[in-house]
Amino acid sequence: MLLAPDGPLAFNTGLLNALSKGLLTMARSAATSKKQGLNSESLRLQETREGTSLWKKWGPYLSERQWGTVREDYSPNGDAWDFFTHDHARSRAYRWGEDGLGGISDEKQRLCFALALWNGKDPILKERLFGLTNSEGNHGEDVKEYYFYLDSTPTHSYMKFLYKYPQAAYPYTDPVETNRRRSRSEFEYELLDTGVFEEDRYYDVFVEYAKASPDDILIRITAHNRGPDEAELHILRWTPFVGQEPG
């Protein structure tokens, strides 16, 4: 899909479900909170403490990066970075969790939802954060992405996330090779230094979550083309099942 400069593109999921059941729940909660002198979020916190509603069952519990972690390390020498790399992540299954962009999951991470993007130029989908391993960075491990957690209530009844996605092919090799050549006394080579964001040729992709009830979640994904020309963007939503813990 081509997105015009500064043109928003929005997707809503779960809207019909939220309208059919969530509005009634919200109306009841508002009436109760008014009687008790509480705002809506304070009431949700009270219900959570009392165990009457599991408002924290779903939240931002999905890792941005599961690859290269000790949780997935089954190497004989404890080399977690090389045992499960970023390149492996798109074709190997994790054993102890999942990862994703701006994702959510239940508290046991049995069901996860996250964002996936493609600009028509990258060799792979943008499904997870990329970065340098401990041996590749001149200052150790370092994520080479621009992402921001903009908002979240205590019960995660509302959350907002922003990811800045280049329109040009993501430079996966340049940061690795350049930082590897630099000494510890030199500055790190950042994603901005690669020139991939020149002329503001990137997308601002916002992901918002709003709960009508503990299990009724509205998801809105909005993309803005910040560049001067129309550009291609594909927005995919993926929902992995983690399943049972390995025995």
Protein backbone atom coordinates (compact mmCIF):
# COMPACT_ATOMS: atom_id res chain seq x y z
CA MET A 1 0.00 0.00 0.00
CA LEU A 2 1.27 3.48 -0.89
CA LEU A 3 1.06 6.06 1.88
CA ALA A 4 1.08 9.77 0.96
CA PRO A 5 3.29 12.24 2.85
CA ASP A 6 1.85 12.99 6.28
CA GLY A 7 -1.02 10.71 5.42
CA PRO A 8 -2.36 8.64 8.31
CA LEU A 9 -3.29 5.00 7.84
CA ALA A 10 -5.22 3.42 10.69
CA PHE A 11 -6.35 -0.12 11.48
CA ASN A 12 -8.76 -1.07 14.27
CA THR A 13 -9.21 -4.59 15.62
CA GLY A 14 -11.73 -5.76 18.15
CA LEU A 15 -13.90 -2.68 17.63
CA LEU A 16 -17.20 -4.48 17.21
CA ASN A 17 -16.53 -6.61 20.24
CA ALA A 18 -15.63 -3.53 22.27
CA LEU A 19 -18.79 -1.73 21.21
CA SER A 20 -21.08 -4.66 21.89
CA LYS A 21 -19.81 -5.57 25.35
CA GLY A 22 -17.32 -2.97 26.47
CA LEU A 23 -19.61 0.06 26.47
CA LEU A 24 -21.92 -1.58 28.97
CA THR A 25 -18.98 -2.48 31.22
CA MET A 26 -17.61 1.06 31.00
CA ALA A 27 -21.00 2.56 31.87
CA ARG A 28 -21.35 0.34 34.92
CA SER A 29 -17.80 1.13 36.06
CA ALA A 30 -18.38 4.86 35.65
CA ALA A 31 -21.55 4.73 37.73
CA THR A 32 -19.82 2.76 40.48
CA SER A 33 -16.75 5.01 40.53
CA LYS A 34 -18.93 8.12 40.77
CA LYS A 35 -20.63 6.74 43.86
CA GLN A 36 -17.30 5.91 45.50
CA GLY A 37 -15.57 9.15 44.51
CA LEU A 38 -12.99 7.30 42.38
CA ASN A 39 -11.90 7.93 38.83
CA SER A 40 -12.06 5.02 36.36
CA GLU A 41 -8.42 3.99 36.72
CA SER A 42 -8.56 4.11 40.54
CA LEU A 43 -11.59 1.83 40.37
CA ARG A 44 -9.74 -0.59 38.11
CA LEU A 45 -6.83 -0.64 40.57
CA GLN A 46 -9.23 -1.31 43.42
CA GLU A 47 -10.86 -4.18 41.52
CA THR A 48 -7.41 -5.59 40.80
CA ARG A 49 -6.38 -5.48 44.46
CA GLU A 50 -9.64 -7.11 45.52
CA GLY A 51 -9.33 -9.77 42.83
CA THR A 52 -12.75 -9.04 41.37
CA SER A 53 -11.36 -8.11 37.93
CA LEU A 54 -8.03 -9.12 36.38
CA TRP A 55 -7.16 -5.81 34.73
CA LYS A 56 -3.44 -6.64 34.70
CA LYS A 57 -3.89 -10.01 33.01
CA TRP A 58 -2.94 -8.39 29.67
CA GLY A 59 -0.11 -5.91 29.43
CA PRO A 60 3.21 -4.95 27.78
CA TYR A 61 4.84 -8.16 28.94
CA LEU A 62 6.15 -9.19 25.51
CA SER A 63 9.92 -8.81 25.18
CA GLU A 64 11.33 -6.58 22.42
CA ARG A 65 14.24 -8.98 21.99
CA GLN A 66 14.34 -12.62 22.98
CA TRP A 67 17.28 -13.50 20.74
CA GLY A 68 20.76 -13.40 22.27
CA THR A 69 19.49 -13.83 25.83
CA VAL A 70 20.57 -16.31 28.47
CA ARG A 71 16.98 -17.57 28.59
CA GLU A 72 17.49 -19.13 25.15
CA ASP A 73 21.11 -20.21 25.63
CA TYR A 74 21.75 -23.95 25.40
CA SER A 75 25.31 -23.63 24.13
CA PRO A 76 28.03 -25.79 25.75
CA ASN A 77 30.19 -22.74 26.52
CA GLY A 78 27.57 -20.19 27.62
CA ASP A 79 27.86 -18.07 24.47
CA ALA A 80 24.29 -16.74 24.38
CA TRP A 81 25.01 -14.09 21.74
CA ASP A 82 26.18 -16.56 19.10
CA PHE A 83 23.89 -19.45 20.05
CA PHE A 84 20.68 -17.59 19.16
CA THR A 85 21.31 -14.60 16.88
CA HIS A 86 19.00 -12.04 15.27
CA ASP A 87 19.33 -13.92 11.98
CA HIS A 88 18.18 -17.12 13.69
CA ALA A 89 15.11 -15.45 15.23
CA ARG A 90 13.03 -15.41 12.05
CA SER A 91 13.46 -19.15 11.41
CA ARG A 92 13.89 -20.74 14.85
CA ALA A 93 11.35 -21.13 17.63
CA TYR A 94 12.07 -19.78 21.09
CA ARG A 95 11.70 -22.11 24.05
CA TRP A 96 11.00 -19.66 26.86
CA GLY A 97 9.10 -16.74 25.38
CA GLU A 98 8.48 -14.55 22.35
CA ASP A 99 9.39 -11.07 21.15
CA GLY A 100 7.82 -8.37 19.01
CA LEU A 101 7.36 -4.66 18.28
CA GLY A 102 5.01 -2.84 20.64
CA GLY A 103 3.41 -6.11 21.62
CA ILE A 104 1.20 -7.34 24.43
CA SER A 105 0.59 -10.72 25.98
CA ASP A 106 -1.22 -12.34 28.85
CA GLU A 107 0.68 -12.59 32.13
CA LYS A 108 1.95 -16.09 31.32
CA GLN A 109 2.81 -15.15 27.71
CA ARG A 110 0.74 -17.98 26.26
CA LEU A 111 -0.86 -15.71 23.67
CA CYS A 112 0.99 -12.71 22.21
CA PHE A 113 0.08 -9.93 19.80
CA ALA A 114 2.62 -7.68 18.10
CA LEU A 115 3.31 -5.51 15.08
CA ALA A 116 5.15 -6.51 11.91
CA LEU A 117 6.12 -4.10 9.12
CA TRP A 118 7.58 -4.21 5.63
CA ASN A 119 8.61 -1.22 3.50
CA GLY A 120 8.96 -3.20 0.28
CA LYS A 121 12.77 -2.92 0.39
CA ASP A 122 13.95 -4.82 3.47
CA PRO A 123 15.07 -8.41 2.89
CA ILE A 124 13.05 -9.50 5.96
CA LEU A 125 9.96 -8.35 7.85
CA LYS A 126 10.51 -5.93 10.70
CA GLU A 127 9.18 -8.10 13.52
CA ARG A 128 11.61 -7.44 16.37
CA LEU A 129 14.33 -5.03 17.43
CA PHE A 130 17.77 -5.28 15.85
CA GLY A 131 20.99 -4.45 17.61
CA LEU A 132 24.64 -5.25 18.20
CA THR A 133 25.81 -8.14 20.30
CA ASN A 134 28.37 -7.73 23.06
CA SER A 135 31.29 -8.48 20.72
CA GLU A 136 30.00 -6.33 17.83
CA GLY A 137 29.51 -3.02 19.63
CA ASN A 138 32.49 -0.88 20.60
CA HIS A 139 30.64 -0.23 23.89
CA GLY A 140 29.03 -3.65 24.18
CA GLU A 141 25.50 -4.66 23.28
CA ASP A 142 23.31 -1.92 21.87
CA VAL A 143 19.90 -1.81 20.18
CA LYS A 144 20.00 0.15 16.91
CA GLU A 145 16.36 1.19 16.63
CA TYR A 146 14.19 4.16 17.57
CA TYR A 147 11.11 3.24 19.58
CA PHE A 148 9.23 4.93 22.40
CA TYR A 149 6.73 3.87 25.05
CA LEU A 150 4.55 6.98 25.16
CA ASP A 151 1.84 6.14 27.67
CA SER A 152 0.47 3.46 29.97
CA THR A 153 -1.95 3.47 32.87
CA PRO A 154 -1.10 1.39 35.96
CA THR A 155 -3.53 -1.35 34.92
CA HIS A 156 -2.50 -1.08 31.24
CA SER A 157 -6.07 -0.11 30.40
CA TYR A 158 -4.51 2.28 27.89
CA MET A 159 -1.07 2.02 26.27
CA LYS A 160 0.63 3.83 23.42
CA PHE A 161 3.82 2.90 21.53
CA LEU A 162 5.76 4.58 18.71
CA TYR A 163 8.22 3.00 16.28
CA LYS A 164 10.16 4.95 13.63
CA TYR A 165 10.54 2.78 10.53
CA PRO A 166 12.84 3.86 7.67
CA GLN A 167 11.45 3.86 4.14
CA ALA A 168 14.79 2.78 2.74
CA ALA A 169 16.18 -0.70 3.30
CA TYR A 170 17.26 -1.08 6.90
CA PRO A 171 21.11 -1.09 7.09
CA TYR A 172 21.60 -4.33 9.00
CA THR A 173 25.29 -4.79 8.12
CA ASP A 174 26.58 -1.18 8.28
CA PRO A 175 26.19 -0.63 12.07
CA VAL A 176 27.76 -4.02 12.79
CA GLU A 177 30.80 -3.55 10.57
CA THR A 178 31.41 0.12 11.50
CA ASN A 179 31.04 -0.30 15.26
CA ARG A 180 33.24 -3.38 15.21
CA ARG A 181 36.07 -1.27 13.74
CA ARG A 182 35.75 1.48 16.36
CA SER A 183 37.63 1.54 19.66
CA ARG A 184 36.10 1.97 23.09
CA SER A 185 37.28 5.59 23.16
CA GLU A 186 35.29 6.49 20.03
CA PHE A 187 31.62 7.38 19.76
CA GLU A 188 29.16 4.69 18.80
CA TYR A 189 27.96 4.56 15.21
CA GLU A 190 24.21 5.11 15.47
CA LEU A 191 21.34 4.40 13.10
CA LEU A 192 21.01 8.12 12.32
CA ASP A 193 24.65 8.14 11.18
CA THR A 194 23.85 5.67 8.39
CA GLY A 195 21.72 8.29 6.59
CA VAL A 196 18.67 6.05 6.45
CA PHE A 197 16.50 8.83 7.93
CA GLU A 198 17.66 11.58 5.56
CA GLU A 199 14.93 13.95 4.25
CA ASP A 200 12.64 12.50 6.94
CA ARG A 201 11.99 9.46 4.79
CA TYR A 202 10.49 7.30 7.50
CA TYR A 203 7.18 6.31 9.04
CA ASP A 204 5.89 7.04 12.51
CA VAL A 205 3.93 3.93 13.43
CA PHE A 206 1.77 4.23 16.54
CA VAL A 207 0.19 1.28 18.34
CA GLU A 208 -2.52 1.95 20.91
CA TYR A 209 -4.33 -0.47 23.22
CA ALA A 210 -7.52 0.34 25.14
CA LYS A 211 -9.38 -2.09 27.39
CA ALA A 212 -13.15 -2.06 27.58
CA SER A 213 -12.90 -4.94 30.06
CA PRO A 214 -10.01 -7.13 31.29
CA ASP A 215 -10.34 -9.41 28.24
CA ASP A 216 -11.84 -7.00 25.69
CA ILE A 217 -9.07 -4.96 24.04
CA LEU A 218 -9.30 -2.46 21.20
CA ILE A 219 -6.11 -2.15 19.15
CA ARG A 220 -5.44 0.82 16.85
CA ILE A 221 -2.42 0.98 14.53
CA THR A 222 -1.76 4.34 12.83
CA ALA A 223 1.07 5.06 10.39
CA HIS A 224 2.23 8.51 9.23
CA ASN A 225 4.50 9.04 6.23
CA ARG A 226 6.93 11.78 7.34
CA GLY A 227 8.78 11.90 4.03
CA PRO A 228 8.23 14.15 1.00
CA ASP A 229 6.93 11.44 -1.37
CA GLU A 230 4.51 8.55 -1.44
CA ALA A 231 6.11 5.38 -0.14
CA GLU A 232 5.20 1.74 0.26
CA LEU A 233 4.25 0.31 3.65
CA HIS A 234 2.74 -3.05 4.62
CA ILE A 235 1.32 -3.44 8.12
CA LEU A 236 0.94 -6.97 9.42
CA ARG A 237 -0.41 -8.14 12.73
CA TRP A 238 0.86 -11.43 14.09
CA THR A 239 -0.39 -13.49 17.01
CA PRO A 240 1.98 -16.29 18.08
CA PHE A 241 1.00 -19.04 20.48
CA VAL A 242 3.80 -19.89 22.88
CA GLY A 243 2.11 -23.01 24.27
CA GLN A 244 3.30 -25.00 27.25
CA GLU A 245 6.67 -24.60 28.93
CA PRO A 246 9.22 -27.21 27.83
CA GLY A 247 9.60 -30.14 30.17
